[in-house]
Amino acid sequence: CKFSNDLRLLQNLKEIEEPFEKNQIGSSAMAYKRNPMRSERI
């Protein structure tokens, strides 16, 4: 959980991101988003 929280903050800072697959959808409304869903699940 500590790791996932750090990574979610880093992803907000745009420094480090979790993997995001080619056809993955980050948000049903905001098509540009790359939500850290795996870290959130952790």
PDB file of all heavy atoms in Angstrom:
ATOM      1  N   CYS A   1       0.826  -1.201   0.000  1.00  0.00           N
ATOM      2  CA  CYS A   1       0.000   0.000   0.000  1.00  0.00           C
ATOM      3  C   CYS A   1       0.864   1.257   0.000  1.00  0.00           C
ATOM      4  O   CYS A   1       0.572   2.225  -0.701  1.00  0.00           O
ATOM      5  CB  CYS A   1      -0.926  -0.021   1.213  1.00  0.00           C
ATOM      6  SG  CYS A   1      -2.258   1.192   1.122  1.00  0.00           S
ATOM      7  N   LYS A   2       1.937   1.234   0.781  1.00  0.00           N
ATOM      8  CA  LYS A   2       2.858   2.384   0.819  1.00  0.00           C
ATOM      9  C   LYS A   2       3.441   2.627  -0.574  1.00  0.00           C
ATOM     10  O   LYS A   2       3.502   3.766  -1.063  1.00  0.00           O
ATOM     11  CB  LYS A   2       3.966   2.091   1.831  1.00  0.00           C
ATOM     12  CG  LYS A   2       4.751   3.331   2.294  1.00  0.00           C
ATOM     13  CD  LYS A   2       5.860   3.718   1.377  1.00  0.00           C
ATOM     14  CE  LYS A   2       6.678   4.844   2.011  1.00  0.00           C
ATOM     15  NZ  LYS A   2       7.426   5.644   1.038  1.00  0.00           N
ATOM     16  N   PHE A   3       3.874   1.542  -1.226  1.00  0.00           N
ATOM     17  CA  PHE A   3       4.389   1.671  -2.589  1.00  0.00           C
ATOM     18  C   PHE A   3       3.331   2.252  -3.515  1.00  0.00           C
ATOM     19  O   PHE A   3       3.602   3.162  -4.303  1.00  0.00           O
ATOM     20  CB  PHE A   3       4.842   0.306  -3.116  1.00  0.00           C
ATOM     21  CG  PHE A   3       4.928   0.260  -4.618  1.00  0.00           C
ATOM     22  CD1 PHE A   3       6.010   0.814  -5.282  1.00  0.00           C
ATOM     23  CD2 PHE A   3       3.908  -0.304  -5.371  1.00  0.00           C
ATOM     24  CE1 PHE A   3       6.073   0.802  -6.672  1.00  0.00           C
ATOM     25  CE2 PHE A   3       3.962  -0.331  -6.757  1.00  0.00           C
ATOM     26  CZ  PHE A   3       5.051   0.229  -7.407  1.00  0.00           C
ATOM     27  N   SER A   4       2.116   1.719  -3.438  1.00  0.00           N
ATOM     28  CA  SER A   4       1.068   2.166  -4.362  1.00  0.00           C
ATOM     29  C   SER A   4       0.729   3.632  -4.145  1.00  0.00           C
ATOM     30  O   SER A   4       0.451   4.356  -5.109  1.00  0.00           O
ATOM     31  CB  SER A   4      -0.188   1.303  -4.213  1.00  0.00           C
ATOM     32  OG  SER A   4      -0.882   1.581  -3.011  1.00  0.00           O
ATOM     33  N   ASN A   5       0.756   4.079  -2.901  1.00  0.00           N
ATOM     34  CA  ASN A   5       0.485   5.491  -2.629  1.00  0.00           C
ATOM     35  C   ASN A   5       1.581   6.377  -3.211  1.00  0.00           C
ATOM     36  O   ASN A   5       1.308   7.428  -3.797  1.00  0.00           O
ATOM     37  CB  ASN A   5       0.360   5.726  -1.123  1.00  0.00           C
ATOM     38  CG  ASN A   5      -0.931   5.162  -0.567  1.00  0.00           C
ATOM     39  OD1 ASN A   5      -1.903   5.004  -1.288  1.00  0.00           O
ATOM     40  ND2 ASN A   5      -0.940   4.844   0.711  1.00  0.00           N
ATOM     41  N   ASP A   6       2.833   5.958  -3.023  1.00  0.00           N
ATOM     42  CA  ASP A   6       3.947   6.722  -3.605  1.00  0.00           C
ATOM     43  C   ASP A   6       3.809   6.809  -5.119  1.00  0.00           C
ATOM     44  O   ASP A   6       4.005   7.877  -5.722  1.00  0.00           O
ATOM     45  CB  ASP A   6       5.286   6.062  -3.255  1.00  0.00           C
ATOM     46  CG  ASP A   6       5.737   6.343  -1.832  1.00  0.00           C
ATOM     47  OD1 ASP A   6       5.046   7.113  -1.124  1.00  0.00           O
ATOM     48  OD2 ASP A   6       6.778   5.806  -1.424  1.00  0.00           O
ATOM     49  N   LEU A   7       3.478   5.680  -5.749  1.00  0.00           N
ATOM     50  CA  LEU A   7       3.390   5.668  -7.206  1.00  0.00           C
ATOM     51  C   LEU A   7       2.229   6.523  -7.706  1.00  0.00           C
ATOM     52  O   LEU A   7       2.335   7.204  -8.732  1.00  0.00           O
ATOM     53  CB  LEU A   7       3.257   4.229  -7.722  1.00  0.00           C
ATOM     54  CG  LEU A   7       3.272   4.083  -9.246  1.00  0.00           C
ATOM     55  CD1 LEU A   7       4.524   4.713  -9.842  1.00  0.00           C
ATOM     56  CD2 LEU A   7       3.167   2.617  -9.648  1.00  0.00           C
ATOM     57  N   ARG A   8       1.132   6.515  -6.978  1.00  0.00           N
ATOM     58  CA  ARG A   8      -0.002   7.352  -7.382  1.00  0.00           C
ATOM     59  C   ARG A   8       0.362   8.826  -7.315  1.00  0.00           C
ATOM     60  O   ARG A   8      -0.037   9.622  -8.182  1.00  0.00           O
ATOM     61  CB  ARG A   8      -1.205   7.048  -6.493  1.00  0.00           C
ATOM     62  CG  ARG A   8      -1.802   5.675  -6.769  1.00  0.00           C
ATOM     63  CD  ARG A   8      -2.608   5.159  -5.601  1.00  0.00           C
ATOM     64  NE  ARG A   8      -3.829   5.926  -5.407  1.00  0.00           N
ATOM     65  CZ  ARG A   8      -4.589   5.838  -4.316  1.00  0.00           C
ATOM     66  NH1 ARG A   8      -4.248   5.034  -3.319  1.00  0.00           N
ATOM     67  NH2 ARG A   8      -5.693   6.546  -4.223  1.00  0.00           N
ATOM     68  N   LEU A   9       1.138   9.208  -6.303  1.00  0.00           N
ATOM     69  CA  LEU A   9       1.606  10.597  -6.218  1.00  0.00           C
ATOM     70  C   LEU A   9       2.576  10.903  -7.349  1.00  0.00           C
ATOM     71  O   LEU A   9       2.497  11.972  -7.982  1.00  0.00           O
ATOM     72  CB  LEU A   9       2.271  10.840  -4.864  1.00  0.00           C
ATOM     73  CG  LEU A   9       1.348  10.798  -3.643  1.00  0.00           C
ATOM     74  CD1 LEU A   9       2.162  10.821  -2.356  1.00  0.00           C
ATOM     75  CD2 LEU A   9       0.352  11.949  -3.668  1.00  0.00           C
ATOM     76  N   LEU A  10       3.488   9.971  -7.632  1.00  0.00           N
ATOM     77  CA  LEU A  10       4.452  10.180  -8.712  1.00  0.00           C
ATOM     78  C   LEU A  10       3.757  10.255 -10.072  1.00  0.00           C
ATOM     79  O   LEU A  10       4.183  11.012 -10.954  1.00  0.00           O
ATOM     80  CB  LEU A  10       5.484   9.049  -8.719  1.00  0.00           C
ATOM     81  CG  LEU A  10       6.500   9.078  -7.582  1.00  0.00           C
ATOM     82  CD1 LEU A  10       7.261   7.760  -7.498  1.00  0.00           C
ATOM     83  CD2 LEU A  10       7.473  10.243  -7.752  1.00  0.00           C
ATOM     84  N   GLN A  11       2.686   9.479 -10.232  1.00  0.00           N
ATOM     85  CA  GLN A  11       1.957   9.533 -11.498  1.00  0.00           C
ATOM     86  C   GLN A  11       1.249  10.876 -11.642  1.00  0.00           C
ATOM     87  O   GLN A  11       1.176  11.437 -12.745  1.00  0.00           O
ATOM     88  CB  GLN A  11       0.950   8.380 -11.589  1.00  0.00           C
ATOM     89  CG  GLN A  11       0.228   8.311 -12.924  1.00  0.00           C
ATOM     90  CD  GLN A  11      -0.107   6.895 -13.355  1.00  0.00           C
ATOM     91  OE1 GLN A  11       0.565   5.945 -12.991  1.00  0.00           O
ATOM     92  NE2 GLN A  11      -1.140   6.753 -14.160  1.00  0.00           N
ATOM     93  N   ASN A  12       0.759  11.428 -10.544  1.00  0.00           N
ATOM     94  CA  ASN A  12       0.174  12.764 -10.595  1.00  0.00           C
ATOM     95  C   ASN A  12       1.230  13.805 -10.962  1.00  0.00           C
ATOM     96  O   ASN A  12       0.950  14.753 -11.711  1.00  0.00           O
ATOM     97  CB  ASN A  12      -0.453  13.117  -9.245  1.00  0.00           C
ATOM     98  CG  ASN A  12      -0.959  14.542  -9.195  1.00  0.00           C
ATOM     99  OD1 ASN A  12      -0.252  15.442  -8.739  1.00  0.00           O
ATOM    100  ND2 ASN A  12      -2.164  14.760  -9.671  1.00  0.00           N
ATOM    101  N   LEU A  13       2.456  13.604 -10.469  1.00  0.00           N
ATOM    102  CA  LEU A  13       3.550  14.528 -10.790  1.00  0.00           C
ATOM    103  C   LEU A  13       4.096  14.308 -12.194  1.00  0.00           C
ATOM    104  O   LEU A  13       4.943  15.072 -12.664  1.00  0.00           O
ATOM    105  CB  LEU A  13       4.686  14.359  -9.776  1.00  0.00           C
ATOM    106  CG  LEU A  13       4.367  14.709  -8.321  1.00  0.00           C
ATOM    107  CD1 LEU A  13       5.537  14.342  -7.420  1.00  0.00           C
ATOM    108  CD2 LEU A  13       4.025  16.189  -8.176  1.00  0.00           C
ATOM    109  N   LYS A  14       3.635  13.245 -12.848  1.00  0.00           N
ATOM    110  CA  LYS A  14       4.065  12.878 -14.211  1.00  0.00           C
ATOM    111  C   LYS A  14       5.541  12.488 -14.267  1.00  0.00           C
ATOM    112  O   LYS A  14       6.192  12.608 -15.298  1.00  0.00           O
ATOM    113  CB  LYS A  14       3.765  14.005 -15.210  1.00  0.00           C
ATOM    114  CG  LYS A  14       2.285  14.314 -15.345  1.00  0.00           C
ATOM    115  CD  LYS A  14       2.027  15.432 -16.344  1.00  0.00           C
ATOM    116  CE  LYS A  14       0.534  15.635 -16.570  1.00  0.00           C
ATOM    117  NZ  LYS A  14      -0.202  15.994 -15.335  1.00  0.00           N
ATOM    118  N   GLU A  15       6.069  11.989 -13.137  1.00  0.00           N
ATOM    119  CA  GLU A  15       7.467  11.549 -13.099  1.00  0.00           C
ATOM    120  C   GLU A  15       7.592  10.060 -13.406  1.00  0.00           C
ATOM    121  O   GLU A  15       8.463   9.648 -14.173  1.00  0.00           O
ATOM    122  CB  GLU A  15       8.081  11.847 -11.729  1.00  0.00           C
ATOM    123  CG  GLU A  15       8.260  13.336 -11.454  1.00  0.00           C
ATOM    124  CD  GLU A  15       9.093  13.603 -10.209  1.00  0.00           C
ATOM    125  OE1 GLU A  15       9.648  12.640  -9.630  1.00  0.00           O
ATOM    126  OE2 GLU A  15       9.197  14.775  -9.813  1.00  0.00           O
ATOM    127  N   ILE A  16       6.744   9.253 -12.804  1.00  0.00           N
ATOM    128  CA  ILE A  16       6.762   7.797 -13.010  1.00  0.00           C
ATOM    129  C   ILE A  16       5.317   7.311 -13.071  1.00  0.00           C
ATOM    130  O   ILE A  16       4.469   7.763 -12.295  1.00  0.00           O
ATOM    131  CB  ILE A  16       7.507   7.070 -11.874  1.00  0.00           C
ATOM    132  CG1 ILE A  16       8.938   7.586 -11.745  1.00  0.00           C
ATOM    133  CG2 ILE A  16       7.519   5.561 -12.106  1.00  0.00           C
ATOM    134  CD1 ILE A  16       9.715   6.976 -10.578  1.00  0.00           C
ATOM    135  N   GLU A  17       5.043   6.397 -13.998  1.00  0.00           N
ATOM    136  CA  GLU A  17       3.686   5.866 -14.153  1.00  0.00           C
ATOM    137  C   GLU A  17       3.697   4.357 -14.105  1.00  0.00           C
ATOM    138  O   GLU A  17       4.692   3.703 -14.449  1.00  0.00           O
ATOM    139  CB  GLU A  17       3.088   6.313 -15.491  1.00  0.00           C
ATOM    140  CG  GLU A  17       2.781   7.797 -15.579  1.00  0.00           C
ATOM    141  CD  GLU A  17       2.159   8.179 -16.914  1.00  0.00           C
ATOM    142  OE1 GLU A  17       2.210   7.345 -17.857  1.00  0.00           O
ATOM    143  OE2 GLU A  17       1.628   9.289 -17.016  1.00  0.00           O
ATOM    144  N   GLU A  18       2.574   3.794 -13.695  1.00  0.00           N
ATOM    145  CA  GLU A  18       2.393   2.354 -13.797  1.00  0.00           C
ATOM    146  C   GLU A  18       2.162   2.002 -15.260  1.00  0.00           C
ATOM    147  O   GLU A  18       1.870   2.868 -16.089  1.00  0.00           O
ATOM    148  CB  GLU A  18       1.213   1.891 -12.938  1.00  0.00           C
ATOM    149  CG  GLU A  18      -0.144   2.374 -13.408  1.00  0.00           C
ATOM    150  CD  GLU A  18      -1.289   1.756 -12.617  1.00  0.00           C
ATOM    151  OE1 GLU A  18      -1.169   1.617 -11.383  1.00  0.00           O
ATOM    152  OE2 GLU A  18      -2.313   1.424 -13.238  1.00  0.00           O
ATOM    153  N   PRO A  19       2.302   0.719 -15.623  1.00  0.00           N
ATOM    154  CA  PRO A  19       2.079   0.319 -17.026  1.00  0.00           C
ATOM    155  C   PRO A  19       0.673   0.693 -17.489  1.00  0.00           C
ATOM    156  O   PRO A  19      -0.285   0.645 -16.712  1.00  0.00           O
ATOM    157  CB  PRO A  19       2.255  -1.201 -16.991  1.00  0.00           C
ATOM    158  CG  PRO A  19       3.012  -1.483 -15.748  1.00  0.00           C
ATOM    159  CD  PRO A  19       2.648  -0.427 -14.770  1.00  0.00           C
ATOM    160  N   PHE A  20       0.573   1.074 -18.743  1.00  0.00           N
ATOM    161  CA  PHE A  20      -0.723   1.431 -19.332  1.00  0.00           C
ATOM    162  C   PHE A  20      -0.769   0.801 -20.712  1.00  0.00           C
ATOM    163  O   PHE A  20       0.021   1.136 -21.592  1.00  0.00           O
ATOM    164  CB  PHE A  20      -0.867   2.953 -19.431  1.00  0.00           C
ATOM    165  CG  PHE A  20      -2.279   3.421 -19.674  1.00  0.00           C
ATOM    166  CD1 PHE A  20      -3.143   3.658 -18.607  1.00  0.00           C
ATOM    167  CD2 PHE A  20      -2.752   3.632 -20.960  1.00  0.00           C
ATOM    168  CE1 PHE A  20      -4.445   4.101 -18.816  1.00  0.00           C
ATOM    169  CE2 PHE A  20      -4.050   4.069 -21.186  1.00  0.00           C
ATOM    170  CZ  PHE A  20      -4.893   4.308 -20.106  1.00  0.00           C
ATOM    171  N   GLU A  21      -1.687  -0.138 -20.895  1.00  0.00           N
ATOM    172  CA  GLU A  21      -1.703  -0.892 -22.141  1.00  0.00           C
ATOM    173  C   GLU A  21      -2.234  -0.070 -23.309  1.00  0.00           C
ATOM    174  O   GLU A  21      -2.961   0.905 -23.122  1.00  0.00           O
ATOM    175  CB  GLU A  21      -2.535  -2.170 -21.937  1.00  0.00           C
ATOM    176  CG  GLU A  21      -1.903  -3.113 -20.919  1.00  0.00           C
ATOM    177  CD  GLU A  21      -2.801  -4.271 -20.562  1.00  0.00           C
ATOM    178  OE1 GLU A  21      -3.751  -4.540 -21.320  1.00  0.00           O
ATOM    179  OE2 GLU A  21      -2.551  -4.897 -19.516  1.00  0.00           O
ATOM    180  N   LYS A  22      -1.881  -0.494 -24.517  1.00  0.00           N
ATOM    181  CA  LYS A  22      -2.170   0.268 -25.732  1.00  0.00           C
ATOM    182  C   LYS A  22      -3.645   0.620 -25.866  1.00  0.00           C
ATOM    183  O   LYS A  22      -4.003   1.756 -26.203  1.00  0.00           O
ATOM    184  CB  LYS A  22      -1.705  -0.527 -26.955  1.00  0.00           C
ATOM    185  CG  LYS A  22      -1.945   0.193 -28.283  1.00  0.00           C
ATOM    186  CD  LYS A  22      -1.468  -0.661 -29.458  1.00  0.00           C
ATOM    187  CE  LYS A  22      -1.750   0.041 -30.781  1.00  0.00           C
ATOM    188  NZ  LYS A  22      -1.324  -0.787 -31.939  1.00  0.00           N
ATOM    189  N   ASN A  23      -4.517  -0.322 -25.597  1.00  0.00           N
ATOM    190  CA  ASN A  23      -5.949  -0.098 -25.786  1.00  0.00           C
ATOM    191  C   ASN A  23      -6.703   0.134 -24.481  1.00  0.00           C
ATOM    192  O   ASN A  23      -7.934   0.130 -24.453  1.00  0.00           O
ATOM    193  CB  ASN A  23      -6.563  -1.298 -26.523  1.00  0.00           C
ATOM    194  CG  ASN A  23      -5.999  -1.457 -27.920  1.00  0.00           C
ATOM    195  OD1 ASN A  23      -5.867  -0.490 -28.653  1.00  0.00           O
ATOM    196  ND2 ASN A  23      -5.641  -2.690 -28.278  1.00  0.00           N
ATOM    197  N   GLN A  24      -5.947   0.321 -23.393  1.00  0.00           N
ATOM    198  CA  GLN A  24      -6.582   0.520 -22.091  1.00  0.00           C
ATOM    199  C   GLN A  24      -7.294   1.872 -22.034  1.00  0.00           C
ATOM    200  O   GLN A  24      -6.781   2.883 -22.507  1.00  0.00           O
ATOM    201  CB  GLN A  24      -5.528   0.445 -20.982  1.00  0.00           C
ATOM    202  CG  GLN A  24      -6.093   0.573 -19.576  1.00  0.00           C
ATOM    203  CD  GLN A  24      -5.007   0.368 -18.529  1.00  0.00           C
ATOM    204  OE1 GLN A  24      -4.027  -0.327 -18.762  1.00  0.00           O
ATOM    205  NE2 GLN A  24      -5.184   0.994 -17.372  1.00  0.00           N
ATOM    206  N   ILE A  25      -8.469   1.878 -21.434  1.00  0.00           N
ATOM    207  CA  ILE A  25      -9.233   3.117 -21.263  1.00  0.00           C
ATOM    208  C   ILE A  25      -9.115   3.565 -19.818  1.00  0.00           C
ATOM    209  O   ILE A  25      -9.393   2.803 -18.891  1.00  0.00           O
ATOM    210  CB  ILE A  25     -10.716   2.901 -21.641  1.00  0.00           C
ATOM    211  CG1 ILE A  25     -10.827   2.576 -23.139  1.00  0.00           C
ATOM    212  CG2 ILE A  25     -11.551   4.141 -21.289  1.00  0.00           C
ATOM    213  CD1 ILE A  25     -12.228   2.191 -23.570  1.00  0.00           C
ATOM    214  N   GLY A  26      -8.690   4.810 -19.627  1.00  0.00           N
ATOM    215  CA  GLY A  26      -8.497   5.323 -18.284  1.00  0.00           C
ATOM    216  C   GLY A  26      -9.770   5.857 -17.662  1.00  0.00           C
ATOM    217  O   GLY A  26      -9.956   5.795 -16.454  1.00  0.00           O
ATOM    218  N   SER A  27     -10.659   6.402 -18.460  1.00  0.00           N
ATOM    219  CA  SER A  27     -11.892   6.982 -17.936  1.00  0.00           C
ATOM    220  C   SER A  27     -12.972   6.887 -19.001  1.00  0.00           C
ATOM    221  O   SER A  27     -12.710   7.134 -20.188  1.00  0.00           O
ATOM    222  CB  SER A  27     -11.670   8.450 -17.539  1.00  0.00           C
ATOM    223  OG  SER A  27     -12.891   9.114 -17.302  1.00  0.00           O
ATOM    224  N   SER A  28     -14.181   6.564 -18.566  1.00  0.00           N
ATOM    225  CA  SER A  28     -15.282   6.463 -19.534  1.00  0.00           C
ATOM    226  C   SER A  28     -15.703   7.833 -20.043  1.00  0.00           C
ATOM    227  O   SER A  28     -16.315   7.945 -21.107  1.00  0.00           O
ATOM    228  CB  SER A  28     -16.479   5.757 -18.880  1.00  0.00           C
ATOM    229  OG  SER A  28     -16.937   6.507 -17.761  1.00  0.00           O
ATOM    230  N   ALA A  29     -15.381   8.890 -19.277  1.00  0.00           N
ATOM    231  CA  ALA A  29     -15.768  10.245 -19.669  1.00  0.00           C
ATOM    232  C   ALA A  29     -14.596  11.027 -20.251  1.00  0.00           C
ATOM    233  O   ALA A  29     -14.729  11.698 -21.273  1.00  0.00           O
ATOM    234  CB  ALA A  29     -16.340  10.991 -18.459  1.00  0.00           C
ATOM    235  N   MET A  30     -13.442  10.932 -19.580  1.00  0.00           N
ATOM    236  CA  MET A  30     -12.277  11.741 -19.963  1.00  0.00           C
ATOM    237  C   MET A  30     -11.275  10.854 -20.694  1.00  0.00           C
ATOM    238  O   MET A  30     -10.455  10.166 -20.068  1.00  0.00           O
ATOM    239  CB  MET A  30     -11.658  12.377 -18.714  1.00  0.00           C
ATOM    240  CG  MET A  30     -12.601  13.379 -18.045  1.00  0.00           C
ATOM    241  SD  MET A  30     -12.130  13.805 -16.351  1.00  0.00           S
ATOM    242  CE  MET A  30     -12.776  12.393 -15.447  1.00  0.00           C
ATOM    243  N   ALA A  31     -11.333  10.873 -21.999  1.00  0.00           N
ATOM    244  CA  ALA A  31     -10.560   9.929 -22.812  1.00  0.00           C
ATOM    245  C   ALA A  31      -9.056  10.095 -22.680  1.00  0.00           C
ATOM    246  O   ALA A  31      -8.299   9.170 -22.964  1.00  0.00           O
ATOM    247  CB  ALA A  31     -10.976  10.086 -24.281  1.00  0.00           C
ATOM    248  N   TYR A  32      -8.605  11.269 -22.244  1.00  0.00           N
ATOM    249  CA  TYR A  32      -7.169  11.542 -22.146  1.00  0.00           C
ATOM    250  C   TYR A  32      -6.536  10.946 -20.896  1.00  0.00           C
ATOM    251  O   TYR A  32      -5.319  10.882 -20.770  1.00  0.00           O
ATOM    252  CB  TYR A  32      -6.926  13.059 -22.133  1.00  0.00           C
ATOM    253  CG  TYR A  32      -7.547  13.761 -20.945  1.00  0.00           C
ATOM    254  CD1 TYR A  32      -6.856  13.873 -19.738  1.00  0.00           C
ATOM    255  CD2 TYR A  32      -8.837  14.279 -21.020  1.00  0.00           C
ATOM    256  CE1 TYR A  32      -7.442  14.493 -18.646  1.00  0.00           C
ATOM    257  CE2 TYR A  32      -9.427  14.902 -19.925  1.00  0.00           C
ATOM    258  CZ  TYR A  32      -8.729  15.008 -18.745  1.00  0.00           C
ATOM    259  OH  TYR A  32      -9.304  15.622 -17.659  1.00  0.00           O
ATOM    260  N   LYS A  33      -7.344  10.495 -19.948  1.00  0.00           N
ATOM    261  CA  LYS A  33      -6.822  10.132 -18.632  1.00  0.00           C
ATOM    262  C   LYS A  33      -6.091   8.791 -18.637  1.00  0.00           C
ATOM    263  O   LYS A  33      -6.449   7.870 -19.361  1.00  0.00           O
ATOM    264  CB  LYS A  33      -7.961  10.085 -17.606  1.00  0.00           C
ATOM    265  CG  LYS A  33      -8.572  11.438 -17.290  1.00  0.00           C
ATOM    266  CD  LYS A  33      -9.487  11.370 -16.086  1.00  0.00           C
ATOM    267  CE  LYS A  33      -8.673  11.317 -14.810  1.00  0.00           C
ATOM    268  NZ  LYS A  33      -9.551  11.292 -13.615  1.00  0.00           N
ATOM    269  N   ARG A  34      -5.068   8.720 -17.780  1.00  0.00           N
ATOM    270  CA  ARG A  34      -4.330   7.479 -17.531  1.00  0.00           C
ATOM    271  C   ARG A  34      -4.378   7.223 -16.028  1.00  0.00           C
ATOM    272  O   ARG A  34      -3.433   7.519 -15.302  1.00  0.00           O
ATOM    273  CB  ARG A  34      -2.885   7.601 -18.020  1.00  0.00           C
ATOM    274  CG  ARG A  34      -2.746   7.682 -19.528  1.00  0.00           C
ATOM    275  CD  ARG A  34      -1.333   8.073 -19.936  1.00  0.00           C
ATOM    276  NE  ARG A  34      -0.353   7.072 -19.539  1.00  0.00           N
ATOM    277  CZ  ARG A  34       0.307   6.281 -20.390  1.00  0.00           C
ATOM    278  NH1 ARG A  34       0.076   6.367 -21.690  1.00  0.00           N
ATOM    279  NH2 ARG A  34       1.200   5.412 -19.958  1.00  0.00           N
ATOM    280  N   ASN A  35      -5.491   6.728 -15.566  1.00  0.00           N
ATOM    281  CA  ASN A  35      -5.662   6.532 -14.132  1.00  0.00           C
ATOM    282  C   ASN A  35      -4.802   5.373 -13.629  1.00  0.00           C
ATOM    283  O   ASN A  35      -4.680   4.351 -14.304  1.00  0.00           O
ATOM    284  CB  ASN A  35      -7.135   6.238 -13.810  1.00  0.00           C
ATOM    285  CG  ASN A  35      -8.036   7.404 -14.150  1.00  0.00           C
ATOM    286  OD1 ASN A  35      -7.586   8.542 -14.174  1.00  0.00           O
ATOM    287  ND2 ASN A  35      -9.298   7.123 -14.415  1.00  0.00           N
ATOM    288  N   PRO A  36      -4.224   5.507 -12.430  1.00  0.00           N
ATOM    289  CA  PRO A  36      -3.374   4.449 -11.879  1.00  0.00           C
ATOM    290  C   PRO A  36      -4.208   3.333 -11.240  1.00  0.00           C
ATOM    291  O   PRO A  36      -4.119   3.065 -10.039  1.00  0.00           O
ATOM    292  CB  PRO A  36      -2.533   5.195 -10.839  1.00  0.00           C
ATOM    293  CG  PRO A  36      -3.438   6.293 -10.364  1.00  0.00           C
ATOM    294  CD  PRO A  36      -4.240   6.708 -11.570  1.00  0.00           C
ATOM    295  N   MET A  37      -5.017   2.667 -12.044  1.00  0.00           N
ATOM    296  CA  MET A  37      -6.001   1.731 -11.505  1.00  0.00           C
ATOM    297  C   MET A  37      -5.359   0.523 -10.827  1.00  0.00           C
ATOM    298  O   MET A  37      -5.896  -0.016  -9.860  1.00  0.00           O
ATOM    299  CB  MET A  37      -6.974   1.285 -12.597  1.00  0.00           C
ATOM    300  CG  MET A  37      -6.380   0.683 -13.868  1.00  0.00           C
ATOM    301  SD  MET A  37      -5.849  -1.047 -13.749  1.00  0.00           S
ATOM    302  CE  MET A  37      -7.402  -1.849 -13.440  1.00  0.00           C
ATOM    303  N   ARG A  38      -4.199   0.088 -11.297  1.00  0.00           N
ATOM    304  CA  ARG A  38      -3.574  -1.080 -10.670  1.00  0.00           C
ATOM    305  C   ARG A  38      -3.043  -0.714  -9.282  1.00  0.00           C
ATOM    306  O   ARG A  38      -3.190  -1.496  -8.328  1.00  0.00           O
ATOM    307  CB  ARG A  38      -2.456  -1.627 -11.554  1.00  0.00           C
ATOM    308  CG  ARG A  38      -2.968  -2.079 -12.910  1.00  0.00           C
ATOM    309  CD  ARG A  38      -1.876  -2.602 -13.822  1.00  0.00           C
ATOM    310  NE  ARG A  38      -2.312  -2.469 -15.208  1.00  0.00           N
ATOM    311  CZ  ARG A  38      -1.748  -3.068 -16.231  1.00  0.00           C
ATOM    312  NH1 ARG A  38      -0.726  -3.874 -16.046  1.00  0.00           N
ATOM    313  NH2 ARG A  38      -2.209  -2.878 -17.455  1.00  0.00           N
ATOM    314  N   SER A  39      -2.449   0.450  -9.191  1.00  0.00           N
ATOM    315  CA  SER A  39      -1.971   0.915  -7.890  1.00  0.00           C
ATOM    316  C   SER A  39      -3.138   1.150  -6.943  1.00  0.00           C
ATOM    317  O   SER A  39      -3.044   0.876  -5.733  1.00  0.00           O
ATOM    318  CB  SER A  39      -1.160   2.202  -8.044  1.00  0.00           C
ATOM    319  OG  SER A  39      -0.036   1.985  -8.862  1.00  0.00           O
ATOM    320  N   GLU A  40      -4.231   1.657  -7.481  1.00  0.00           N
ATOM    321  CA  GLU A  40      -5.416   1.866  -6.649  1.00  0.00           C
ATOM    322  C   GLU A  40      -5.981   0.535  -6.158  1.00  0.00           C
ATOM    323  O   GLU A  40      -6.452   0.420  -5.023  1.00  0.00           O
ATOM    324  CB  GLU A  40      -6.466   2.658  -7.430  1.00  0.00           C
ATOM    325  CG  GLU A  40      -6.061   4.113  -7.642  1.00  0.00           C
ATOM    326  CD  GLU A  40      -6.989   4.853  -8.581  1.00  0.00           C
ATOM    327  OE1 GLU A  40      -7.490   4.240  -9.548  1.00  0.00           O
ATOM    328  OE2 GLU A  40      -7.211   6.049  -8.351  1.00  0.00           O
ATOM    329  N   ARG A  41      -5.904  -0.484  -7.005  1.00  0.00           N
ATOM    330  CA  ARG A  41      -6.382  -1.804  -6.587  1.00  0.00           C
ATOM    331  C   ARG A  41      -5.472  -2.376  -5.491  1.00  0.00           C
ATOM    332  O   ARG A  41      -5.953  -3.025  -4.550  1.00  0.00           O
ATOM    333  CB  ARG A  41      -6.455  -2.760  -7.774  1.00  0.00           C
ATOM    334  CG  ARG A  41      -7.009  -4.131  -7.394  1.00  0.00           C
ATOM    335  CD  ARG A  41      -7.129  -5.052  -8.597  1.00  0.00           C
ATOM    336  NE  ARG A  41      -8.201  -4.638  -9.489  1.00  0.00           N
ATOM    337  CZ  ARG A  41      -8.562  -5.313 -10.582  1.00  0.00           C
ATOM    338  NH1 ARG A  41      -7.922  -6.430 -10.910  1.00  0.00           N
ATOM    339  NH2 ARG A  41      -9.541  -4.882 -11.352  1.00  0.00           N
ATOM    340  N   ILE A  42      -4.169  -2.154  -5.619  1.00  0.00           N
ATOM    341  CA  ILE A  42      -3.248  -2.573  -4.558  1.00  0.00           C
ATOM    342  C   ILE A  42      -3.651  -1.928  -3.237  1.00  0.00           C
ATOM    343  O   ILE A  42      -3.746  -2.589  -2.196  1.00  0.00           O
ATOM    344  CB  ILE A  42      -1.792  -2.207  -4.908  1.00  0.00           C
ATOM    345  CG1 ILE A  42      -1.283  -3.054  -6.069  1.00  0.00           C
ATOM    346  CG2 ILE A  42      -0.881  -2.376  -3.686  1.00  0.00           C
ATOM    347  CD1 ILE A  42       0.097  -2.653  -6.577  1.00  0.00           C
TER     348      ILE A  42
END
